[in-house]
Each structure stands twice: as structure tokens, then as C-alpha cells.
Amino acid sequence: MKRLLTILIVTAILSFAGCEYFENSDTLNISSFEVNLSGLPTLPSSLTYVGWFDGDDIPATYLFDKDADANGNISYINDQTPLKILDSAQIFYVTIENKADVGSPNFRPSSRIILQGRFTKGAANLWVSENADKYSVAKAKYSLDTPTDNPTANDFSGLWFVDSLDAGTPAPGLDLPALYGGWIYEGWVEVNGQFLSTGRFSNPAAADLFNGFSGTAAAYPFPGEDFLNNAPSGLTFPLDLRGTKVHISLERKNGDTFGISPNIIIYSADIPANAVHKKSYDLNFSNNTLPQGYAVIKVDLLE
């Protein structure tokens, strides 16, 4: 009598003696793979999300390409995935690709990885960073100072993600998880509901990519901005940032050095109205719904 069993397959299981049974069995065509993703950013119409298998002993293997729905979700189920593809699958990840490249002879994954996870007992949790669980305890500090301008009257016109300024030993104010290649961080101040970028950055311990509002003197070698020049419509520089808000967001890496408004805010703080010049203040983790997902390998066996 045949009995139907549904099991989750770990990569290692397929390497022992039973592998010969899988290779010669009709079960080759009834393995399945399920992916569910949420919180994905909206893409231009020329781009799409692509799922890939990867492993230490195999090249990246294309699985699907799919646009997210209006809520940033993707659901994918394939109940005809050949078992041999799953045999060496150790990692699953999602990249952003040009639609025109999908299916081309040399189609390979770009470095723009959005979510990734490693299979454990047939399942992989997918995150924006290998250490995404550290966000709630990561260091995030800022200080008010204006290093690119000399007048002391403007001391509250700049915000920098730097620590220990008041001690005379500037140090990185951020210790954030390293992102996969499809993401970048961005700092913001919010003034009366209007967002101003302090610049995008991948390395929290180095200068960011933008200085369009700053003065001409040397800046701190950390992310931040002085709001002295080129004020956008509706604002007058220099700004007094006391009593405003500060944020750090997660942005899709598209080559821009700054944005107009934040995508996914992950840290926030109200800047005190009586904030002290060069004193360090904390930002708070403010987002428990970061982009994420899961992937599950299932195999139905007849015995």
C-alpha cells in the first residue's frame, strides 16, 4: 500500500544514499517551492524582482521573475520544480533586474540583492541584511553642529550622525547592519512636515554621498549635513533644527545620492527644543515591518 508523505528537504538530506531513489523516482516532478515576500518598494516599470537559487557547488539558478502587487507583496508557488535543482540549493535570494534582460542567454543576477536567506530544514527566512535581527539594538546617535560654517550663530543648523563631539573625540554615531546590495541608508531631518535629506550612505562610519546644503569648510567624516545653502522652496537657511525631527530610512539603491522623501523609516527621534550643541542624542528603532519573506522547499514522496 502506498502512503503519501510530505517532508521538508534540507540540502544535506539529498547528499546521502537516498539521493539515488530521488534521482530515479517519479517524485522528481512533484517537488514544490513556495515564496512569500512583503514590504517591497515600488519599482519603475522597466524593473522587476527575480528569485534565484544558489549554493556552494552550483551557479546561481533563475527561478522566477515577478512584479510586486500594490501593497509590495509577492507570492510564488511552483509545484513542478525538478528535484535536481533543489538538490544543491543552499541560499535563496531576490534581486532587482531590468525586464529587458530577463531570459537573455547570459542572464545572471545583479548585485542588487533585496532579500536573502539560507535554507535550514527546508525553509529560509529572507531579510534585507544578514544581521537584520540587530536593528532593534543597533547604535543610532546624532548631534547638532555645523562644521562646514564658522559663525557660532549657526551651530544648530547642522545634524550629523556622530557621537562624542562634546568630549572632543568625534566617533561614528551609527553602528548599523551591513545591507545587501540592493539597499542603501539615508538620513533625514523633518521640518514642519517637509523632509530634507542629509545624504545616502552604505557605510555608517564614513561620509555620505551628498553635501548639497553644506558650506565649504571641512565636514565630519560621517553621515550628516549642514543646512546652510540652496534651501528648497518653503524653507529658509540656515535652519535651527531644535524642535524638529530626525530619521534614518532604508532606500532602494538606484544610483541617487539623495531623495525627496523617505521610503522605509527605521529610526526616528524628536530633536529636543532645548537641545545642547554637540551633545549626543539617541534615535529609536521605529519599524517592525521591514521588507521580509520566507521560502520553503517541499517534496511529496510515495512509498
C-alpha atoms as a PDB file:
ATOM      1  CA  MET A   1       0.000   0.000   0.000  1.00  0.00           C
ATOM      2  CA  LYS A   2       1.345   3.374  -0.954  1.00  0.00           C
ATOM      3  CA  ARG A   3       1.376   6.148   1.615  1.00  0.00           C
ATOM      4  CA  LEU A   4       1.879   9.826   0.729  1.00  0.00           C
ATOM      5  CA  LEU A   5       4.397  11.656   2.874  1.00  0.00           C
ATOM      6  CA  THR A   6       5.120  15.391   2.733  1.00  0.00           C
ATOM      7  CA  ILE A   7       8.514  16.350   4.092  1.00  0.00           C
ATOM      8  CA  LEU A   8      10.736  19.389   4.160  1.00  0.00           C
ATOM      9  CA  ILE A   9      14.050  18.691   2.473  1.00  0.00           C
ATOM     10  CA  VAL A  10      17.290  20.059   3.879  1.00  0.00           C
ATOM     11  CA  THR A  11      20.076  20.351   1.338  1.00  0.00           C
ATOM     12  CA  ALA A  12      22.207  17.870   3.238  1.00  0.00           C
ATOM     13  CA  ILE A  13      19.499  15.180   3.110  1.00  0.00           C
ATOM     14  CA  LEU A  14      19.830  14.932  -0.637  1.00  0.00           C
ATOM     15  CA  SER A  15      23.515  14.037  -0.427  1.00  0.00           C
ATOM     16  CA  PHE A  16      23.203  10.716   1.359  1.00  0.00           C
ATOM     17  CA  ALA A  17      22.369   7.273  -0.038  1.00  0.00           C
ATOM     18  CA  GLY A  18      18.680   8.024  -0.505  1.00  0.00           C
ATOM     19  CA  CYS A  19      19.585  10.517  -3.210  1.00  0.00           C
ATOM     20  CA  GLU A  20      19.654   7.674  -5.768  1.00  0.00           C
ATOM     21  CA  TYR A  21      15.999   6.980  -5.027  1.00  0.00           C
ATOM     22  CA  PHE A  22      15.091  10.618  -5.657  1.00  0.00           C
ATOM     23  CA  GLU A  23      17.017  10.680  -8.930  1.00  0.00           C
ATOM     24  CA  ASN A  24      15.185   7.614 -10.302  1.00  0.00           C
ATOM     25  CA  SER A  25      11.746   8.212  -8.823  1.00  0.00           C
ATOM     26  CA  ASP A  26       8.603   9.747 -10.251  1.00  0.00           C
ATOM     27  CA  THR A  27       8.786  12.184  -7.345  1.00  0.00           C
ATOM     28  CA  LEU A  28      11.121  14.315  -9.471  1.00  0.00           C
ATOM     29  CA  ASN A  29       8.112  16.197 -10.847  1.00  0.00           C
ATOM     30  CA  ILE A  30       6.086  16.717  -7.685  1.00  0.00           C
ATOM     31  CA  SER A  31       8.505  18.679  -5.525  1.00  0.00           C
ATOM     32  CA  SER A  32       7.300  22.216  -4.824  1.00  0.00           C
ATOM     33  CA  PHE A  33       8.724  25.555  -3.844  1.00  0.00           C
ATOM     34  CA  GLU A  34       6.863  28.426  -2.209  1.00  0.00           C
ATOM     35  CA  VAL A  35       7.952  32.048  -1.723  1.00  0.00           C
ATOM     36  CA  ASN A  36       6.119  34.862   0.062  1.00  0.00           C
ATOM     37  CA  LEU A  37       7.570  38.388   0.213  1.00  0.00           C
ATOM     38  CA  SER A  38       6.214  41.568   1.801  1.00  0.00           C
ATOM     39  CA  GLY A  39       7.123  45.236   2.182  1.00  0.00           C
ATOM     40  CA  LEU A  40       8.880  45.529  -1.177  1.00  0.00           C
ATOM     41  CA  PRO A  41       9.442  49.008  -2.644  1.00  0.00           C
ATOM     42  CA  THR A  42       7.659  50.094  -5.805  1.00  0.00           C
ATOM     43  CA  LEU A  43       9.837  49.716  -8.899  1.00  0.00           C
ATOM     44  CA  PRO A  44       9.881  51.608 -12.201  1.00  0.00           C
ATOM     45  CA  SER A  45       8.015  49.749 -14.943  1.00  0.00           C
ATOM     46  CA  SER A  46      11.323  48.736 -16.570  1.00  0.00           C
ATOM     47  CA  LEU A  47      12.452  46.751 -13.498  1.00  0.00           C
ATOM     48  CA  THR A  48      11.209  43.588 -11.815  1.00  0.00           C
ATOM     49  CA  TYR A  49      12.002  41.221  -8.951  1.00  0.00           C
ATOM     50  CA  VAL A  50      13.822  37.971  -9.745  1.00  0.00           C
ATOM     51  CA  GLY A  51      14.213  34.913  -7.495  1.00  0.00           C
ATOM     52  CA  TRP A  52      17.360  32.755  -7.526  1.00  0.00           C
ATOM     53  CA  PHE A  53      18.686  29.524  -6.022  1.00  0.00           C
ATOM     54  CA  ASP A  54      22.367  29.384  -5.182  1.00  0.00           C
ATOM     55  CA  GLY A  55      24.809  27.034  -3.483  1.00  0.00           C
ATOM     56  CA  ASP A  56      28.495  26.459  -2.848  1.00  0.00           C
ATOM     57  CA  ASP A  57      28.790  23.965  -5.706  1.00  0.00           C
ATOM     58  CA  ILE A  58      26.334  25.381  -8.242  1.00  0.00           C
ATOM     59  CA  PRO A  59      25.965  28.670 -10.129  1.00  0.00           C
ATOM     60  CA  ALA A  60      23.012  30.929  -9.459  1.00  0.00           C
ATOM     61  CA  THR A  61      19.846  29.359 -10.889  1.00  0.00           C
ATOM     62  CA  TYR A  62      16.959  31.514 -12.102  1.00  0.00           C
ATOM     63  CA  LEU A  63      13.582  30.572 -10.629  1.00  0.00           C
ATOM     64  CA  PHE A  64      11.074  33.328 -11.403  1.00  0.00           C
ATOM     65  CA  ASP A  65      10.568  36.990 -12.218  1.00  0.00           C
ATOM     66  CA  LYS A  66       7.546  38.821 -10.889  1.00  0.00           C
ATOM     67  CA  ASP A  67       6.278  42.320 -10.096  1.00  0.00           C
ATOM     68  CA  ALA A  68       5.091  43.116  -6.583  1.00  0.00           C
ATOM     69  CA  ASP A  69       1.437  43.988  -6.091  1.00  0.00           C
ATOM     70  CA  ALA A  70       0.199  47.415  -4.968  1.00  0.00           C
ATOM     71  CA  ASN A  71       0.968  46.521  -1.337  1.00  0.00           C
ATOM     72  CA  GLY A  72       4.543  45.428  -2.038  1.00  0.00           C
ATOM     73  CA  ASN A  73       3.800  41.691  -1.816  1.00  0.00           C
ATOM     74  CA  ILE A  74       4.859  38.753  -3.975  1.00  0.00           C
ATOM     75  CA  SER A  75       3.526  35.197  -3.689  1.00  0.00           C
ATOM     76  CA  TYR A  76       5.007  32.429  -5.812  1.00  0.00           C
ATOM     77  CA  ILE A  77       4.290  28.696  -5.826  1.00  0.00           C
ATOM     78  CA  ASN A  78       5.872  26.206  -8.216  1.00  0.00           C
ATOM     79  CA  ASP A  79       4.696  22.614  -7.801  1.00  0.00           C
ATOM     80  CA  GLN A  80       6.710  21.374 -10.786  1.00  0.00           C
ATOM     81  CA  THR A  81      10.243  22.311  -9.695  1.00  0.00           C
ATOM     82  CA  PRO A  82      12.620  19.442 -10.643  1.00  0.00           C
ATOM     83  CA  LEU A  83      14.172  17.933  -7.546  1.00  0.00           C
ATOM     84  CA  LYS A  84      17.649  18.088  -9.053  1.00  0.00           C
ATOM     85  CA  ILE A  85      17.510  21.892  -8.933  1.00  0.00           C
ATOM     86  CA  LEU A  86      16.735  21.743  -5.216  1.00  0.00           C
ATOM     87  CA  ASP A  87      19.452  19.170  -4.541  1.00  0.00           C
ATOM     88  CA  SER A  88      22.229  21.727  -4.048  1.00  0.00           C
ATOM     89  CA  ALA A  89      20.143  24.771  -3.128  1.00  0.00           C
ATOM     90  CA  GLN A  90      21.581  26.369  -0.004  1.00  0.00           C
ATOM     91  CA  ILE A  91      20.592  30.012  -0.455  1.00  0.00           C
ATOM     92  CA  PHE A  92      17.589  31.773  -1.913  1.00  0.00           C
ATOM     93  CA  TYR A  93      17.670  35.464  -2.772  1.00  0.00           C
ATOM     94  CA  VAL A  94      15.738  38.114  -4.666  1.00  0.00           C
ATOM     95  CA  THR A  95      17.328  40.739  -6.911  1.00  0.00           C
ATOM     96  CA  ILE A  96      16.110  43.722  -8.898  1.00  0.00           C
ATOM     97  CA  GLU A  97      16.703  43.304 -12.628  1.00  0.00           C
ATOM     98  CA  ASN A  98      15.908  45.035 -15.897  1.00  0.00           C
ATOM     99  CA  LYS A  99      12.931  43.336 -17.510  1.00  0.00           C
ATOM    100  CA  ALA A 100      14.690  43.517 -20.873  1.00  0.00           C
ATOM    101  CA  ASP A 101      17.469  41.263 -19.526  1.00  0.00           C
ATOM    102  CA  VAL A 102      15.227  38.504 -18.174  1.00  0.00           C
ATOM    103  CA  GLY A 103      15.582  35.367 -20.269  1.00  0.00           C
ATOM    104  CA  SER A 104      18.598  36.579 -22.226  1.00  0.00           C
ATOM    105  CA  PRO A 105      21.316  33.945 -22.897  1.00  0.00           C
ATOM    106  CA  ASN A 106      23.749  35.397 -20.353  1.00  0.00           C
ATOM    107  CA  PHE A 107      21.176  36.426 -17.758  1.00  0.00           C
ATOM    108  CA  ARG A 108      22.866  36.473 -14.354  1.00  0.00           C
ATOM    109  CA  PRO A 109      21.927  38.027 -11.004  1.00  0.00           C
ATOM    110  CA  SER A 110      22.999  41.606 -10.409  1.00  0.00           C
ATOM    111  CA  SER A 111      24.435  42.840  -7.113  1.00  0.00           C
ATOM    112  CA  ARG A 112      21.092  44.479  -6.274  1.00  0.00           C
ATOM    113  CA  ILE A 113      20.016  41.865  -3.730  1.00  0.00           C
ATOM    114  CA  ILE A 114      16.859  42.908  -1.883  1.00  0.00           C
ATOM    115  CA  LEU A 115      16.210  39.844   0.309  1.00  0.00           C
ATOM    116  CA  GLN A 116      18.285  36.760   1.064  1.00  0.00           C
ATOM    117  CA  GLY A 117      18.244  33.754   3.352  1.00  0.00           C
ATOM    118  CA  ARG A 118      19.935  30.387   3.869  1.00  0.00           C
ATOM    119  CA  PHE A 119      17.929  27.165   3.959  1.00  0.00           C
ATOM    120  CA  THR A 120      17.630  25.398   7.308  1.00  0.00           C
ATOM    121  CA  LYS A 121      15.473  22.261   7.342  1.00  0.00           C
ATOM    122  CA  GLY A 122      13.987  23.222   4.005  1.00  0.00           C
ATOM    123  CA  ALA A 123      12.988  26.763   4.953  1.00  0.00           C
ATOM    124  CA  ALA A 124      14.717  30.125   4.567  1.00  0.00           C
ATOM    125  CA  ASN A 125      13.788  33.386   6.269  1.00  0.00           C
ATOM    126  CA  LEU A 126      14.571  36.269   3.917  1.00  0.00           C
ATOM    127  CA  TRP A 127      15.852  39.617   5.211  1.00  0.00           C
ATOM    128  CA  VAL A 128      17.389  42.890   3.983  1.00  0.00           C
ATOM    129  CA  SER A 129      20.585  42.111   5.889  1.00  0.00           C
ATOM    130  CA  GLU A 130      22.321  39.054   7.252  1.00  0.00           C
ATOM    131  CA  ASN A 131      22.027  40.734  10.664  1.00  0.00           C
ATOM    132  CA  ALA A 132      18.554  42.248  10.332  1.00  0.00           C
ATOM    133  CA  ASP A 133      17.693  40.987  13.818  1.00  0.00           C
ATOM    134  CA  LYS A 134      20.185  43.536  15.208  1.00  0.00           C
ATOM    135  CA  TYR A 135      18.224  46.642  14.180  1.00  0.00           C
ATOM    136  CA  SER A 136      16.330  46.894  17.453  1.00  0.00           C
ATOM    137  CA  VAL A 137      19.572  47.031  19.455  1.00  0.00           C
ATOM    138  CA  ALA A 138      21.861  48.819  16.983  1.00  0.00           C
ATOM    139  CA  LYS A 139      23.569  52.073  17.951  1.00  0.00           C
ATOM    140  CA  ALA A 140      21.991  55.191  16.408  1.00  0.00           C
ATOM    141  CA  LYS A 141      23.042  58.622  17.682  1.00  0.00           C
ATOM    142  CA  TYR A 142      23.103  62.153  16.302  1.00  0.00           C
ATOM    143  CA  SER A 143      24.482  65.548  17.311  1.00  0.00           C
ATOM    144  CA  LEU A 144      23.773  69.142  16.276  1.00  0.00           C
ATOM    145  CA  ASP A 145      26.739  71.074  14.928  1.00  0.00           C
ATOM    146  CA  THR A 146      27.725  72.979  11.798  1.00  0.00           C
ATOM    147  CA  PRO A 147      31.335  72.096  10.917  1.00  0.00           C
ATOM    148  CA  THR A 148      31.211  73.482   7.350  1.00  0.00           C
ATOM    149  CA  ASP A 149      30.459  77.029   8.568  1.00  0.00           C
ATOM    150  CA  ASN A 150      32.265  79.131  11.150  1.00  0.00           C
ATOM    151  CA  PRO A 151      29.725  81.508  12.757  1.00  0.00           C
ATOM    152  CA  THR A 152      28.570  80.194  16.133  1.00  0.00           C
ATOM    153  CA  ALA A 153      25.117  81.625  15.414  1.00  0.00           C
ATOM    154  CA  ASN A 154      24.582  78.684  13.061  1.00  0.00           C
ATOM    155  CA  ASP A 155      25.596  75.945  15.495  1.00  0.00           C
ATOM    156  CA  PHE A 156      22.146  74.328  15.392  1.00  0.00           C
ATOM    157  CA  SER A 157      21.890  74.344  11.587  1.00  0.00           C
ATOM    158  CA  GLY A 158      23.621  71.014  11.044  1.00  0.00           C
ATOM    159  CA  LEU A 159      22.844  67.431  12.023  1.00  0.00           C
ATOM    160  CA  TRP A 160      25.480  64.705  11.999  1.00  0.00           C
ATOM    161  CA  PHE A 161      25.314  61.033  12.914  1.00  0.00           C
ATOM    162  CA  VAL A 162      28.334  61.354  15.160  1.00  0.00           C
ATOM    163  CA  ASP A 163      28.981  60.604  18.822  1.00  0.00           C
ATOM    164  CA  SER A 164      31.225  62.168  21.483  1.00  0.00           C
ATOM    165  CA  LEU A 165      31.506  65.613  19.876  1.00  0.00           C
ATOM    166  CA  ASP A 166      31.131  67.258  23.264  1.00  0.00           C
ATOM    167  CA  ALA A 167      34.129  65.245  24.505  1.00  0.00           C
ATOM    168  CA  GLY A 168      36.265  66.415  21.592  1.00  0.00           C
ATOM    169  CA  THR A 169      36.667  62.876  20.219  1.00  0.00           C
ATOM    170  CA  PRO A 170      34.234  62.509  17.282  1.00  0.00           C
ATOM    171  CA  ALA A 171      33.237  58.882  16.718  1.00  0.00           C
ATOM    172  CA  PRO A 172      30.691  57.143  14.473  1.00  0.00           C
ATOM    173  CA  GLY A 173      27.177  57.671  15.772  1.00  0.00           C
ATOM    174  CA  LEU A 174      25.781  54.716  13.836  1.00  0.00           C
ATOM    175  CA  ASP A 175      26.537  51.025  14.076  1.00  0.00           C
ATOM    176  CA  LEU A 176      24.014  49.524  11.672  1.00  0.00           C
ATOM    177  CA  PRO A 177      23.821  46.108   9.985  1.00  0.00           C
ATOM    178  CA  ALA A 178      25.505  45.872   6.591  1.00  0.00           C
ATOM    179  CA  LEU A 179      22.838  45.824   3.883  1.00  0.00           C
ATOM    180  CA  TYR A 180      22.540  43.550   0.881  1.00  0.00           C
ATOM    181  CA  GLY A 181      23.479  45.256  -2.376  1.00  0.00           C
ATOM    182  CA  GLY A 182      20.000  46.428  -3.374  1.00  0.00           C
ATOM    183  CA  TRP A 183      19.624  48.773  -0.403  1.00  0.00           C
ATOM    184  CA  ILE A 184      21.192  51.953   0.961  1.00  0.00           C
ATOM    185  CA  TYR A 185      20.622  54.034   4.106  1.00  0.00           C
ATOM    186  CA  GLU A 186      19.556  57.687   4.070  1.00  0.00           C
ATOM    187  CA  GLY A 187      19.431  60.327   6.799  1.00  0.00           C
ATOM    188  CA  TRP A 188      16.684  62.946   7.089  1.00  0.00           C
ATOM    189  CA  VAL A 189      15.532  65.956   9.039  1.00  0.00           C
ATOM    190  CA  GLU A 190      11.825  66.758   9.057  1.00  0.00           C
ATOM    191  CA  VAL A 191      10.926  70.435   9.391  1.00  0.00           C
ATOM    192  CA  ASN A 192       7.207  71.254   9.661  1.00  0.00           C
ATOM    193  CA  GLY A 193       6.364  68.115   7.698  1.00  0.00           C
ATOM    194  CA  GLN A 194       8.939  68.773   4.966  1.00  0.00           C
ATOM    195  CA  PHE A 195      11.749  66.230   4.568  1.00  0.00           C
ATOM    196  CA  LEU A 196      15.344  67.221   3.845  1.00  0.00           C
ATOM    197  CA  SER A 197      17.933  64.565   3.065  1.00  0.00           C
ATOM    198  CA  THR A 198      21.276  64.509   4.820  1.00  0.00           C
ATOM    199  CA  GLY A 199      22.526  62.080   2.157  1.00  0.00           C
ATOM    200  CA  ARG A 200      22.610  58.379   1.345  1.00  0.00           C
ATOM    201  CA  PHE A 201      25.253  56.021   2.705  1.00  0.00           C
ATOM    202  CA  SER A 202      26.215  52.370   2.815  1.00  0.00           C
ATOM    203  CA  ASN A 203      28.976  52.678   5.414  1.00  0.00           C
ATOM    204  CA  PRO A 204      27.701  54.306   8.634  1.00  0.00           C
ATOM    205  CA  ALA A 205      31.289  55.040   9.697  1.00  0.00           C
ATOM    206  CA  ALA A 206      32.179  57.093   6.597  1.00  0.00           C
ATOM    207  CA  ALA A 207      30.949  60.232   4.857  1.00  0.00           C
ATOM    208  CA  ASP A 208      27.692  60.001   2.915  1.00  0.00           C
ATOM    209  CA  LEU A 209      27.181  60.761  -0.785  1.00  0.00           C
ATOM    210  CA  PHE A 210      25.586  64.226  -0.538  1.00  0.00           C
ATOM    211  CA  ASN A 211      26.712  67.694   0.585  1.00  0.00           C
ATOM    212  CA  GLY A 212      24.411  69.937  -1.450  1.00  0.00           C
ATOM    213  CA  PHE A 213      23.266  72.055   1.504  1.00  0.00           C
ATOM    214  CA  SER A 214      26.584  72.331   3.362  1.00  0.00           C
ATOM    215  CA  GLY A 215      29.210  75.066   3.436  1.00  0.00           C
ATOM    216  CA  THR A 216      32.754  74.930   2.114  1.00  0.00           C
ATOM    217  CA  ALA A 217      34.727  74.086   5.265  1.00  0.00           C
ATOM    218  CA  ALA A 218      35.690  70.508   6.153  1.00  0.00           C
ATOM    219  CA  ALA A 219      32.846  68.262   7.273  1.00  0.00           C
ATOM    220  CA  TYR A 220      32.901  65.343   9.682  1.00  0.00           C
ATOM    221  CA  PRO A 221      33.893  62.031   8.037  1.00  0.00           C
ATOM    222  CA  PHE A 222      30.485  60.588   8.932  1.00  0.00           C
ATOM    223  CA  PRO A 223      26.962  60.868   7.505  1.00  0.00           C
ATOM    224  CA  GLY A 224      25.252  64.208   8.072  1.00  0.00           C
ATOM    225  CA  GLU A 225      24.588  67.641   6.620  1.00  0.00           C
ATOM    226  CA  ASP A 226      24.717  71.351   7.370  1.00  0.00           C
ATOM    227  CA  PHE A 227      21.631  73.224   6.155  1.00  0.00           C
ATOM    228  CA  LEU A 228      23.198  76.479   5.032  1.00  0.00           C
ATOM    229  CA  ASN A 229      22.871  76.798   1.248  1.00  0.00           C
ATOM    230  CA  ASN A 230      20.421  76.019  -1.575  1.00  0.00           C
ATOM    231  CA  ALA A 231      17.298  75.975   0.564  1.00  0.00           C
ATOM    232  CA  PRO A 232      14.352  74.291  -1.187  1.00  0.00           C
ATOM    233  CA  SER A 233      11.087  76.134  -1.695  1.00  0.00           C
ATOM    234  CA  GLY A 234       9.250  76.880   1.527  1.00  0.00           C
ATOM    235  CA  LEU A 235      12.334  76.935   3.763  1.00  0.00           C
ATOM    236  CA  THR A 236      14.956  79.500   4.692  1.00  0.00           C
ATOM    237  CA  PHE A 237      18.538  78.555   5.551  1.00  0.00           C
ATOM    238  CA  PRO A 238      20.315  78.498   7.919  1.00  0.00           C
ATOM    239  CA  LEU A 239      17.865  76.317   9.820  1.00  0.00           C
ATOM    240  CA  ASP A 240      17.515  75.945  13.548  1.00  0.00           C
ATOM    241  CA  LEU A 241      16.964  72.195  13.892  1.00  0.00           C
ATOM    242  CA  ARG A 242      15.945  72.298  17.547  1.00  0.00           C
ATOM    243  CA  GLY A 243      12.359  71.118  17.909  1.00  0.00           C
ATOM    244  CA  THR A 244      12.310  69.272  14.570  1.00  0.00           C
ATOM    245  CA  LYS A 245      12.630  65.548  13.793  1.00  0.00           C
ATOM    246  CA  VAL A 246      15.402  63.245  12.571  1.00  0.00           C
ATOM    247  CA  HIS A 247      15.059  59.922  10.731  1.00  0.00           C
ATOM    248  CA  ILE A 248      17.093  57.182   9.088  1.00  0.00           C
ATOM    249  CA  SER A 249      15.444  55.304   6.254  1.00  0.00           C
ATOM    250  CA  LEU A 250      16.023  52.298   4.067  1.00  0.00           C
ATOM    251  CA  GLU A 251      16.067  53.139   0.343  1.00  0.00           C
ATOM    252  CA  ARG A 252      16.301  51.170  -2.851  1.00  0.00           C
ATOM    253  CA  LYS A 253      19.809  51.630  -4.250  1.00  0.00           C
ATOM    254  CA  ASN A 254      19.291  53.291  -7.631  1.00  0.00           C
ATOM    255  CA  GLY A 255      22.386  55.466  -8.013  1.00  0.00           C
ATOM    256  CA  ASP A 256      20.878  58.617  -6.466  1.00  0.00           C
ATOM    257  CA  THR A 257      22.839  60.407  -3.739  1.00  0.00           C
ATOM    258  CA  PHE A 258      19.728  61.773  -2.010  1.00  0.00           C
ATOM    259  CA  GLY A 259      15.960  61.529  -2.162  1.00  0.00           C
ATOM    260  CA  ILE A 260      12.904  63.756  -1.774  1.00  0.00           C
ATOM    261  CA  SER A 261      11.068  61.757   0.905  1.00  0.00           C
ATOM    262  CA  PRO A 262      11.890  58.613   2.894  1.00  0.00           C
ATOM    263  CA  ASN A 263      10.772  55.167   1.780  1.00  0.00           C
ATOM    264  CA  ILE A 264      11.033  52.906   4.840  1.00  0.00           C
ATOM    265  CA  ILE A 265      11.819  54.801   8.057  1.00  0.00           C
ATOM    266  CA  ILE A 266      13.670  52.582  10.515  1.00  0.00           C
ATOM    267  CA  TYR A 267      14.918  55.059  13.158  1.00  0.00           C
ATOM    268  CA  SER A 268      13.366  58.312  14.379  1.00  0.00           C
ATOM    269  CA  ALA A 269      13.683  60.887  17.132  1.00  0.00           C
ATOM    270  CA  ASP A 270      12.221  64.230  18.135  1.00  0.00           C
ATOM    271  CA  ILE A 271      15.070  66.713  18.453  1.00  0.00           C
ATOM    272  CA  PRO A 272      14.625  68.474  21.816  1.00  0.00           C
ATOM    273  CA  ALA A 273      13.611  72.123  21.661  1.00  0.00           C
ATOM    274  CA  ASN A 274      16.382  72.782  24.179  1.00  0.00           C
ATOM    275  CA  ALA A 275      18.954  70.510  22.507  1.00  0.00           C
ATOM    276  CA  VAL A 276      22.538  71.187  23.547  1.00  0.00           C
ATOM    277  CA  HIS A 277      25.199  71.964  20.959  1.00  0.00           C
ATOM    278  CA  LYS A 278      27.388  68.890  20.217  1.00  0.00           C
ATOM    279  CA  LYS A 279      25.573  66.665  22.718  1.00  0.00           C
ATOM    280  CA  SER A 280      24.770  63.137  21.516  1.00  0.00           C
ATOM    281  CA  TYR A 281      21.131  62.039  21.370  1.00  0.00           C
ATOM    282  CA  ASP A 282      19.592  58.640  20.609  1.00  0.00           C
ATOM    283  CA  LEU A 283      17.367  57.646  17.716  1.00  0.00           C
ATOM    284  CA  ASN A 284      14.800  54.928  18.355  1.00  0.00           C
ATOM    285  CA  PHE A 285      14.080  51.879  16.227  1.00  0.00           C
ATOM    286  CA  SER A 286      10.637  52.590  14.814  1.00  0.00           C
ATOM    287  CA  ASN A 287       9.801  49.879  12.275  1.00  0.00           C
ATOM    288  CA  ASN A 288       8.967  46.254  12.995  1.00  0.00           C
ATOM    289  CA  THR A 289       7.685  45.615   9.459  1.00  0.00           C
ATOM    290  CA  LEU A 290      10.842  45.746   7.366  1.00  0.00           C
ATOM    291  CA  PRO A 291      10.784  44.058   3.945  1.00  0.00           C
ATOM    292  CA  GLN A 292      10.990  40.332   4.555  1.00  0.00           C
ATOM    293  CA  GLY A 293       9.839  36.950   3.346  1.00  0.00           C
ATOM    294  CA  TYR A 294      10.254  33.204   3.503  1.00  0.00           C
ATOM    295  CA  ALA A 295      10.970  30.374   1.090  1.00  0.00           C
ATOM    296  CA  VAL A 296      10.001  26.733   1.656  1.00  0.00           C
ATOM    297  CA  ILE A 297      11.065  23.575  -0.192  1.00  0.00           C
ATOM    298  CA  LYS A 298       8.537  20.722  -0.012  1.00  0.00           C
ATOM    299  CA  VAL A 299       8.693  17.251  -1.539  1.00  0.00           C
ATOM    300  CA  ASP A 300       5.908  14.670  -1.736  1.00  0.00           C
ATOM    301  CA  LEU A 301       7.248  11.106  -1.546  1.00  0.00           C
ATOM    302  CA  LEU A 302       5.389   7.908  -2.382  1.00  0.00           C
ATOM    303  CA  GLU A 303       6.375   4.795  -0.507  1.00  0.00           C
END
